[in-house]
Protein backbone atom coordinates (compact mmCIF):
# COMPACT_ATOMS: atom_id res chain seq x y z
CA UNK A 1 -100.11 -28.55 -70.33
CA UNK A 2 -102.42 -28.26 -67.30
CA UNK A 3 -100.66 -27.36 -64.02
CA UNK A 4 -102.41 -27.96 -60.68
CA UNK A 5 -103.66 -24.75 -59.10
CA UNK A 6 -102.94 -23.87 -55.49
CA UNK A 7 -106.49 -24.69 -54.32
CA UNK A 8 -106.23 -28.17 -55.87
CA UNK A 9 -102.95 -28.88 -54.04
CA UNK A 10 -104.49 -27.65 -50.80
CA UNK A 11 -107.49 -29.90 -51.36
CA UNK A 12 -105.28 -32.95 -51.81
CA UNK A 13 -103.49 -32.06 -48.58
CA UNK A 14 -106.85 -31.79 -46.83
CA UNK A 15 -107.82 -35.31 -47.96
CA UNK A 16 -104.59 -36.66 -46.51
CA UNK A 17 -104.82 -34.57 -43.31
CA UNK A 18 -108.28 -35.84 -42.45
CA UNK A 19 -106.84 -39.30 -41.93
CA UNK A 20 -104.95 -38.02 -38.91
CA UNK A 21 -107.26 -35.23 -37.75
CA UNK A 22 -107.96 -34.88 -34.09
CA UNK A 23 -111.55 -33.60 -33.48
CA UNK A 24 -114.15 -35.85 -31.90
CA UNK A 25 -117.85 -35.75 -32.79
CA UNK A 26 -120.54 -37.22 -30.56
CA UNK A 27 -123.32 -38.64 -32.77
CA UNK A 28 -125.84 -37.78 -30.04
CA UNK A 29 -124.94 -34.07 -30.17
CA UNK A 30 -127.83 -31.80 -31.16
CA UNK A 31 -125.33 -29.37 -32.68
CA UNK A 32 -123.20 -30.93 -35.45
CA UNK A 33 -120.93 -28.73 -37.61
CA UNK A 34 -118.84 -30.38 -40.32
CA UNK A 35 -116.34 -29.75 -43.09
CA UNK A 36 -116.21 -31.62 -46.39
CA UNK A 37 -113.77 -31.71 -49.24
CA UNK A 38 -114.61 -33.25 -52.64
CA UNK A 39 -112.39 -33.69 -55.70
CA UNK A 40 -114.16 -34.75 -58.89
CA UNK A 41 -112.63 -35.69 -62.27
CA UNK A 42 -115.05 -35.83 -65.20
CA UNK A 43 -113.76 -36.69 -68.69
CA UNK A 44 -116.90 -35.33 -70.44
CA UNK A 45 -118.24 -32.52 -68.30
CA UNK A 46 -120.76 -31.24 -70.88
CA UNK A 47 -121.91 -34.72 -71.98
CA UNK A 48 -120.86 -34.20 -75.62
CA UNK A 49 -120.77 -36.93 -78.25
CA UNK A 50 -117.49 -38.48 -79.36
CA UNK A 51 -118.16 -37.04 -82.84
CA UNK A 52 -118.70 -33.43 -81.88
CA UNK A 53 -120.75 -31.03 -83.92
CA UNK A 54 -118.27 -28.70 -85.65
CA UNK A 55 -120.51 -25.79 -84.71
CA UNK A 56 -120.49 -26.64 -81.02
CA UNK A 57 -119.06 -23.88 -78.78
CA UNK A 58 -116.48 -26.21 -77.15
CA UNK A 59 -113.56 -28.23 -78.56
CA UNK A 60 -112.06 -31.58 -77.62
CA UNK A 61 -109.53 -30.09 -75.19
CA UNK A 62 -112.39 -28.58 -73.13
CA UNK A 63 -114.31 -31.78 -72.50
CA UNK A 64 -112.72 -32.73 -69.14
CA UNK A 65 -112.47 -31.00 -65.82
CA UNK A 66 -111.16 -31.38 -62.27
CA UNK A 67 -113.59 -29.84 -59.76
CA UNK A 68 -112.71 -28.92 -56.20
CA UNK A 69 -115.57 -28.41 -53.74
CA UNK A 70 -114.88 -27.22 -50.20
CA UNK A 71 -117.97 -27.33 -47.98
CA UNK A 72 -118.85 -26.15 -44.49
CA UNK A 73 -122.15 -27.10 -42.92
CA UNK A 74 -124.21 -27.42 -39.80
CA UNK A 75 -127.00 -29.75 -38.65
CA UNK A 76 -128.87 -29.18 -35.43
CA UNK A 77 -132.06 -30.39 -33.84
CA UNK A 78 -133.76 -28.96 -30.79
CA UNK A 79 -136.27 -31.15 -28.94
CA UNK A 80 -138.89 -29.24 -26.94
CA UNK A 81 -141.25 -31.57 -25.12
CA UNK A 82 -143.01 -33.49 -27.91
CA UNK A 83 -141.89 -31.03 -30.60
CA UNK A 84 -138.66 -31.21 -32.60
CA UNK A 85 -136.99 -28.37 -34.53
CA UNK A 86 -134.34 -29.15 -37.13
CA UNK A 87 -132.02 -26.74 -38.91
CA UNK A 88 -129.50 -27.43 -41.62
CA UNK A 89 -127.20 -25.19 -43.62
CA UNK A 90 -124.32 -25.66 -46.01
CA UNK A 91 -122.06 -23.50 -48.19
CA UNK A 92 -119.87 -24.91 -50.99
CA UNK A 93 -117.02 -23.22 -52.82
CA UNK A 94 -116.80 -24.87 -56.26
CA UNK A 95 -113.67 -24.41 -58.41
CA UNK A 96 -113.11 -25.76 -61.92
CA UNK A 97 -109.54 -26.32 -63.14
CA UNK A 98 -110.38 -26.26 -66.87
CA UNK A 99 -113.49 -24.03 -66.95
CA UNK A 100 -112.99 -21.35 -64.33
CA UNK A 101 -115.96 -19.41 -65.81
CA UNK A 102 -118.11 -21.99 -64.00
CA UNK A 103 -116.66 -21.21 -60.54
CA UNK A 104 -119.43 -20.50 -58.10
CA UNK A 105 -120.65 -20.69 -54.54
CA UNK A 106 -123.60 -23.00 -53.92
CA UNK A 107 -125.64 -23.15 -50.72
CA UNK A 108 -128.46 -24.91 -48.93
CA UNK A 109 -130.61 -24.03 -45.91
CA UNK A 110 -133.55 -25.94 -44.41
CA UNK A 111 -135.74 -25.54 -41.37
CA UNK A 112 -138.26 -28.14 -40.14
CA UNK A 113 -140.72 -28.25 -37.28
CA UNK A 114 -141.97 -31.77 -36.48
CA UNK A 115 -145.04 -30.96 -34.42
CA UNK A 116 -147.41 -33.02 -32.29
CA UNK A 117 -150.76 -31.94 -30.80
CA UNK A 118 -152.36 -34.49 -28.49
CA UNK A 119 -152.40 -38.13 -29.56
CA UNK A 120 -154.23 -37.68 -32.84
CA UNK A 121 -152.63 -34.74 -34.67
CA UNK A 122 -149.08 -34.31 -35.91
CA UNK A 123 -147.11 -33.28 -38.91
CA UNK A 124 -144.30 -31.24 -40.42
CA UNK A 125 -143.82 -27.58 -41.28
CA UNK A 126 -140.76 -26.88 -43.37
CA UNK A 127 -139.01 -24.35 -45.59
CA UNK A 128 -135.98 -24.85 -47.79
CA UNK A 129 -133.56 -22.81 -49.90
CA UNK A 130 -131.01 -24.13 -52.38
CA UNK A 131 -128.73 -22.50 -54.94
CA UNK A 132 -126.78 -24.71 -57.33
CA UNK A 133 -125.31 -24.96 -60.83
CA UNK A 134 -127.61 -26.13 -63.63
CA UNK A 135 -126.75 -29.29 -65.54
CA UNK A 136 -125.49 -29.63 -69.10
CA UNK A 137 -126.71 -33.08 -70.17
CA UNK A 138 -129.66 -32.00 -72.35
CA UNK A 139 -128.84 -28.40 -73.11
CA UNK A 140 -126.95 -26.53 -75.74
CA UNK A 141 -125.94 -23.97 -73.14
CA UNK A 142 -122.52 -24.45 -71.58
CA UNK A 143 -122.28 -21.34 -69.42
CA UNK A 144 -122.89 -20.75 -65.74
CA UNK A 145 -126.55 -20.94 -64.78
CA UNK A 146 -127.14 -20.71 -61.06
CA UNK A 147 -130.56 -22.01 -60.10
CA UNK A 148 -132.34 -20.85 -56.94
CA UNK A 149 -135.03 -23.09 -55.46
CA UNK A 150 -137.31 -22.09 -52.59
CA UNK A 151 -139.63 -24.75 -51.20
CA UNK A 152 -142.30 -24.93 -48.49
CA UNK A 153 -144.09 -27.89 -46.93
CA UNK A 154 -147.20 -28.19 -44.74
CA UNK A 155 -147.91 -31.81 -43.72
CA UNK A 156 -150.80 -32.70 -41.41
CA UNK A 157 -151.73 -36.16 -40.12
CA UNK A 158 -154.88 -37.07 -38.22
CA UNK A 159 -154.80 -40.51 -36.54
CA UNK A 160 -158.48 -41.28 -35.98
CA UNK A 161 -157.76 -44.94 -35.16
CA UNK A 162 -154.68 -46.82 -33.90
CA UNK A 163 -154.31 -48.27 -37.43
CA UNK A 164 -155.74 -45.53 -39.66
CA UNK A 165 -154.67 -41.96 -40.44
CA UNK A 166 -155.67 -39.18 -42.79
CA UNK A 167 -152.88 -37.15 -44.40
CA UNK A 168 -152.99 -33.76 -46.10
CA UNK A 169 -150.05 -31.94 -47.67
CA UNK A 170 -149.33 -28.69 -49.40
CA UNK A 171 -146.04 -28.30 -51.31
CA UNK A 172 -144.77 -25.08 -52.92
CA UNK A 173 -141.81 -24.68 -55.23
CA UNK A 174 -140.33 -21.58 -56.85
CA UNK A 175 -137.35 -22.16 -59.14
CA UNK A 176 -135.45 -19.34 -60.91
CA UNK A 177 -132.51 -19.40 -63.33
CA UNK A 178 -129.72 -16.82 -63.37
CA UNK A 179 -128.76 -17.19 -67.06
CA UNK A 180 -131.10 -15.24 -69.39
CA UNK A 181 -130.90 -18.08 -71.95
CA UNK A 182 -132.47 -20.48 -69.43
CA UNK A 183 -135.12 -18.31 -67.81
CA UNK A 184 -137.88 -19.98 -69.81
CA UNK A 185 -137.34 -22.83 -67.30
CA UNK A 186 -138.37 -20.66 -64.32
CA UNK A 187 -141.18 -22.46 -62.50
CA UNK A 188 -143.67 -21.99 -59.70
CA UNK A 189 -145.80 -24.92 -58.65
CA UNK A 190 -148.45 -25.57 -56.00
CA UNK A 191 -149.18 -29.20 -55.08
CA UNK A 192 -151.90 -30.56 -52.80
CA UNK A 193 -152.09 -34.14 -51.56
CA UNK A 194 -154.81 -35.94 -49.59
CA UNK A 195 -154.55 -39.57 -48.55
CA UNK A 196 -155.85 -42.37 -46.36
CA UNK A 197 -153.33 -44.82 -44.88
CA UNK A 198 -153.52 -48.11 -42.91
CA UNK A 199 -150.79 -49.78 -40.81
CA UNK A 200 -151.13 -53.47 -39.90
CA UNK A 201 -150.06 -55.05 -36.60
CA UNK A 202 -147.00 -56.32 -38.50
CA UNK A 203 -146.05 -52.72 -39.46
CA UNK A 204 -147.03 -53.24 -43.12
CA UNK A 205 -148.72 -50.21 -44.69
CA UNK A 206 -151.07 -49.50 -47.58
CA UNK A 207 -152.68 -46.25 -48.61
CA UNK A 208 -154.49 -44.35 -51.32
CA UNK A 209 -153.95 -40.72 -52.26
CA UNK A 210 -154.90 -38.03 -54.72
CA UNK A 211 -152.33 -35.42 -55.90
CA UNK A 212 -153.08 -32.20 -57.75
CA UNK A 213 -150.36 -29.86 -59.15
CA UNK A 214 -150.78 -26.47 -60.74
CA UNK A 215 -147.53 -25.27 -62.39
CA UNK A 216 -146.83 -21.87 -63.87
CA UNK A 217 -143.84 -20.96 -66.09
CA UNK A 218 -143.93 -17.17 -66.37
CA UNK A 219 -141.40 -16.86 -69.20
CA UNK A 220 -142.55 -18.30 -72.49
CA UNK A 221 -140.28 -20.65 -74.43
CA UNK A 222 -139.34 -19.80 -78.00
CA UNK A 223 -139.55 -22.77 -80.38
CA UNK A 224 -138.92 -21.86 -84.00
CA UNK A 225 -140.95 -18.66 -84.41
CA UNK A 226 -143.54 -19.45 -81.72
CA UNK A 227 -143.67 -18.48 -78.04
CA UNK A 228 -144.88 -21.46 -76.03
CA UNK A 229 -146.93 -21.20 -72.82
CA UNK A 230 -145.82 -24.27 -70.80
CA UNK A 231 -148.27 -23.97 -67.90
CA UNK A 232 -149.84 -27.28 -66.90
CA UNK A 233 -152.05 -29.08 -64.37
CA UNK A 234 -151.61 -32.63 -63.13
CA UNK A 235 -153.92 -35.09 -61.39
CA UNK A 236 -152.72 -38.39 -59.99
CA UNK A 237 -154.61 -41.21 -58.25
CA UNK A 238 -152.26 -43.73 -56.62
CA UNK A 239 -151.89 -46.53 -54.11
CA UNK A 240 -148.86 -46.77 -51.85
CA UNK A 241 -147.66 -49.94 -50.13
CA UNK A 242 -144.92 -51.33 -47.91
CA UNK A 243 -144.84 -55.06 -47.14
CA UNK A 244 -142.30 -56.92 -45.04
CA UNK A 245 -142.64 -60.30 -46.76
CA UNK A 246 -140.14 -62.09 -44.49
CA UNK A 247 -137.45 -60.98 -42.09
CA UNK A 248 -135.11 -60.65 -45.08
CA UNK A 249 -137.45 -59.36 -47.85
CA UNK A 250 -139.20 -56.01 -48.17
CA UNK A 251 -141.36 -54.65 -50.99
CA UNK A 252 -142.48 -51.02 -51.23
CA UNK A 253 -143.60 -48.58 -53.87
CA UNK A 254 -146.58 -46.96 -55.52
CA UNK A 255 -148.82 -47.55 -58.52
CA UNK A 256 -151.06 -44.88 -59.98
CA UNK A 257 -152.58 -43.14 -62.94
CA UNK A 258 -151.54 -39.64 -63.99
CA UNK A 259 -153.34 -37.05 -66.12
CA UNK A 260 -151.46 -33.99 -67.36
CA UNK A 261 -153.02 -31.13 -69.30
CA UNK A 262 -151.15 -28.18 -70.84
CA UNK A 263 -152.29 -24.64 -71.45
CA UNK A 264 -151.17 -24.85 -75.08
CA UNK A 265 -150.54 -27.65 -77.58
CA UNK A 266 -152.80 -30.34 -76.15
CA UNK A 267 -151.09 -32.94 -78.37
CA UNK A 268 -148.45 -33.22 -75.65
CA UNK A 269 -151.04 -33.93 -72.88
CA UNK A 270 -150.47 -37.21 -71.07
CA UNK A 271 -152.62 -39.92 -69.54
CA UNK A 272 -151.04 -43.11 -68.29
CA UNK A 273 -149.62 -45.19 -65.46
CA UNK A 274 -147.13 -43.88 -62.94
CA UNK A 275 -145.45 -46.50 -60.77
CA UNK A 276 -142.37 -47.51 -58.85
CA UNK A 277 -141.43 -50.81 -57.22
CA UNK A 278 -138.52 -51.48 -54.86
CA UNK A 279 -137.60 -54.92 -53.59
CA UNK A 280 -134.99 -55.17 -50.84
CA UNK A 281 -133.37 -58.50 -49.97
CA UNK A 282 -131.04 -58.92 -46.99
CA UNK A 283 -129.49 -62.37 -47.41
CA UNK A 284 -126.97 -61.77 -44.59
CA UNK A 285 -126.41 -59.26 -41.85
CA UNK A 286 -123.76 -57.61 -44.01
CA UNK A 287 -125.33 -57.74 -47.46
CA UNK A 288 -128.33 -55.88 -48.95
CA UNK A 289 -129.52 -56.10 -52.55
CA UNK A 290 -132.11 -53.65 -53.87
CA UNK A 291 -133.98 -54.15 -57.13
CA UNK A 292 -136.04 -51.27 -58.54
CA UNK A 293 -138.31 -50.73 -61.50
CA UNK A 294 -140.27 -47.63 -62.55
CA UNK A 295 -142.40 -45.98 -65.18
CA UNK A 296 -143.31 -42.35 -64.65
CA UNK A 297 -143.02 -38.76 -65.84
CA UNK A 298 -139.84 -36.85 -65.21
CA UNK A 299 -140.91 -33.20 -64.97
CA UNK A 300 -138.82 -30.42 -66.41
CA UNK A 301 -135.53 -30.10 -64.53
CA UNK A 302 -132.45 -27.91 -64.73
CA UNK A 303 -131.21 -29.57 -67.90
CA UNK A 304 -134.39 -30.83 -69.64
CA UNK A 305 -136.07 -28.36 -71.98
CA UNK A 306 -139.04 -30.62 -72.74
CA UNK A 307 -142.09 -30.02 -70.56
CA UNK A 308 -141.73 -33.60 -69.33
CA UNK A 309 -140.10 -36.91 -70.20
CA UNK A 310 -141.71 -40.34 -70.02
CA UNK A 311 -139.24 -42.64 -68.29
CA UNK A 312 -139.07 -46.34 -67.60
CA UNK A 313 -136.17 -48.27 -66.18
CA UNK A 314 -134.71 -50.90 -63.89
CA UNK A 315 -131.77 -50.88 -61.48
CA UNK A 316 -129.92 -53.22 -59.14
CA UNK A 317 -127.91 -52.00 -56.18
CA UNK A 318 -125.94 -54.41 -53.94
CA UNK A 319 -124.31 -53.23 -50.70
CA UNK A 320 -121.75 -55.14 -48.65
CA UNK A 321 -120.51 -54.12 -45.22
CA UNK A 322 -117.03 -55.52 -45.37
CA UNK A 323 -116.19 -54.46 -41.82
CA UNK A 324 -117.93 -52.17 -39.31
CA UNK A 325 -115.94 -49.29 -40.90
CA UNK A 326 -115.90 -50.20 -44.61
CA UNK A 327 -118.88 -50.45 -47.00
CA UNK A 328 -118.85 -51.38 -50.70
CA UNK A 329 -121.76 -50.46 -52.94
CA UNK A 330 -122.57 -50.77 -56.64
CA UNK A 331 -125.48 -49.62 -58.75
CA UNK A 332 -126.31 -50.54 -62.33
CA UNK A 333 -129.27 -49.02 -64.17
CA UNK A 334 -131.02 -49.01 -67.55
CA UNK A 335 -133.41 -46.21 -68.53
CA UNK A 336 -135.44 -45.22 -71.56
CA UNK A 337 -136.52 -41.64 -71.98
CA UNK A 338 -139.20 -40.39 -74.39
CA UNK A 339 -139.39 -36.63 -74.83
CA UNK A 340 -143.14 -36.62 -75.20
CA UNK A 341 -143.45 -33.18 -73.60
CA UNK A 342 -141.99 -31.38 -76.65
CA UNK A 343 -144.63 -29.21 -78.37
CA UNK A 344 -143.82 -30.75 -81.83
CA UNK A 345 -144.59 -27.72 -83.97
CA UNK A 346 -143.72 -29.57 -87.18
CA UNK A 347 -146.29 -32.02 -88.56
CA UNK A 348 -143.61 -34.63 -89.30
CA UNK A 349 -141.96 -34.29 -85.88
CA UNK A 350 -141.26 -37.55 -84.06
CA UNK A 351 -140.86 -38.17 -80.32
CA UNK A 352 -137.15 -38.28 -79.50
CA UNK A 353 -135.89 -41.24 -77.43
CA UNK A 354 -132.81 -41.93 -75.35
CA UNK A 355 -131.43 -45.13 -73.85
CA UNK A 356 -129.20 -44.57 -70.84
CA UNK A 357 -126.89 -47.11 -69.16
CA UNK A 358 -125.13 -46.21 -65.90
CA UNK A 359 -122.80 -48.11 -63.62
CA UNK A 360 -121.41 -46.93 -60.24
CA UNK A 361 -118.96 -48.42 -57.75
CA UNK A 362 -118.26 -46.84 -54.40
CA UNK A 363 -116.43 -47.49 -51.15
CA UNK A 364 -116.86 -45.64 -47.88
CA UNK A 365 -114.47 -45.82 -44.95
CA UNK A 366 -115.20 -44.49 -41.45
CA UNK A 367 -111.62 -43.75 -40.48
CA UNK A 368 -112.69 -42.33 -37.10
CA UNK A 369 -115.82 -41.67 -35.09
CA UNK A 370 -115.80 -38.19 -36.61
CA UNK A 371 -114.68 -38.77 -40.18
CA UNK A 372 -115.60 -40.59 -43.36
CA UNK A 373 -113.85 -41.04 -46.69
CA UNK A 374 -115.82 -41.90 -49.89
CA UNK A 375 -114.42 -42.85 -53.30
CA UNK A 376 -116.77 -43.31 -56.27
CA UNK A 377 -116.33 -44.32 -59.90
CA UNK A 378 -119.20 -43.88 -62.38
CA UNK A 379 -119.48 -44.68 -66.08
CA UNK A 380 -122.42 -43.71 -68.25
CA UNK A 381 -123.51 -44.19 -71.87
CA UNK A 382 -126.42 -42.68 -73.79
CA UNK A 383 -127.63 -43.56 -77.28
CA UNK A 384 -130.22 -41.15 -78.70
CA UNK A 385 -132.42 -40.62 -81.75
CA UNK A 386 -131.39 -36.95 -81.58
CA UNK A 387 -128.49 -35.72 -83.65
CA UNK A 388 -125.25 -35.17 -81.64
CA UNK A 389 -126.90 -36.44 -78.43
CA UNK A 390 -125.01 -39.72 -77.89
CA UNK A 391 -122.35 -39.59 -75.22
CA UNK A 392 -120.10 -41.51 -72.84
CA UNK A 393 -118.47 -40.32 -69.64
CA UNK A 394 -116.25 -41.47 -66.79
CA UNK A 395 -116.32 -39.75 -63.40
CA UNK A 396 -114.21 -40.32 -60.30
CA UNK A 397 -114.61 -38.43 -57.08
CA UNK A 398 -113.10 -38.58 -53.61
CA UNK A 399 -114.89 -37.03 -50.66
CA UNK A 400 -113.76 -36.59 -47.04
CA UNK A 401 -116.16 -35.48 -44.27
CA UNK A 402 -114.93 -34.26 -40.92
CA UNK A 403 -117.53 -33.82 -38.14
CA UNK A 404 -116.97 -31.88 -34.94
């Protein structure tokens, strides 16, 4: 029988103590440290099917876990004339009650310079670092895989007219996996963006842009007896828009066309639409309803072995401000994933497909000027054409944030 560990008991005490804590945070402070405590219960941590493969490396008693995350962070911004410097850092101690081999320390650090030169030029220079635990949803690997991401951003805007601006961006990403079994997912990508944007007198915007990405995966992936080179290039032409239809209705999104070419196995190359639409309706001062639809490529992530996944889906997310201190929110989504990025070495190979349903309910309570309590329940279901890939899960987490 599971017995609560000392750190779990301490965490529960922290959640209670925050209700009566005594610090005071000024939201206008440029120096904002904070502490956060999160308890998460997940009844299917590794996203395994109800009928588990007998050869799977976990058994039924190992499906659930109670996760304690204690976080300390800092946000600060430093205005200097027309310039603004922002720094953010966070460290999390993550402890698993049922799978202590997954215990780890995660961290995040970001630095941003929002610069302005004259009345025409401005932009952002930024650098980010993040270390976190890889996911389990689409992998057969259930060990600890710490992922380290380093990112850089150079964003330049030239406003050559009160309504028109040119934008150029360079984005760099380097992602590395700690676990040797997952190092074929290591990735370095360089992305360039150039765009032209217009803002109307009513603050509506429309723009066009071209995006080019060159991605390198230095460690080849073994599929059957072959070593696969997953390098690729992407080109995307798109239009972006934001339209305030009425005082209560807002539409924004993008529509484009994407071309993706791989170094090897051109049968997985892609050409097709890439779009997203968000509609926000504010029927009252306390209620917001957001409807979203999308169709795009989901690039390889921490728990997706395919080079990319073609996704399409819809979601609805209502929010209700019950009082100035209490907010209720829900989100319901339907998604379809097609694993078209698999190299398909067998002639008879078919494209695997998943259908994913997710529902989430949350409540947030500002119990003081300096503290917030969040409670979330999420339920998910996936049906898949892949063997032993169906799953269901229930997750509950409680989070308390204390700002100083």
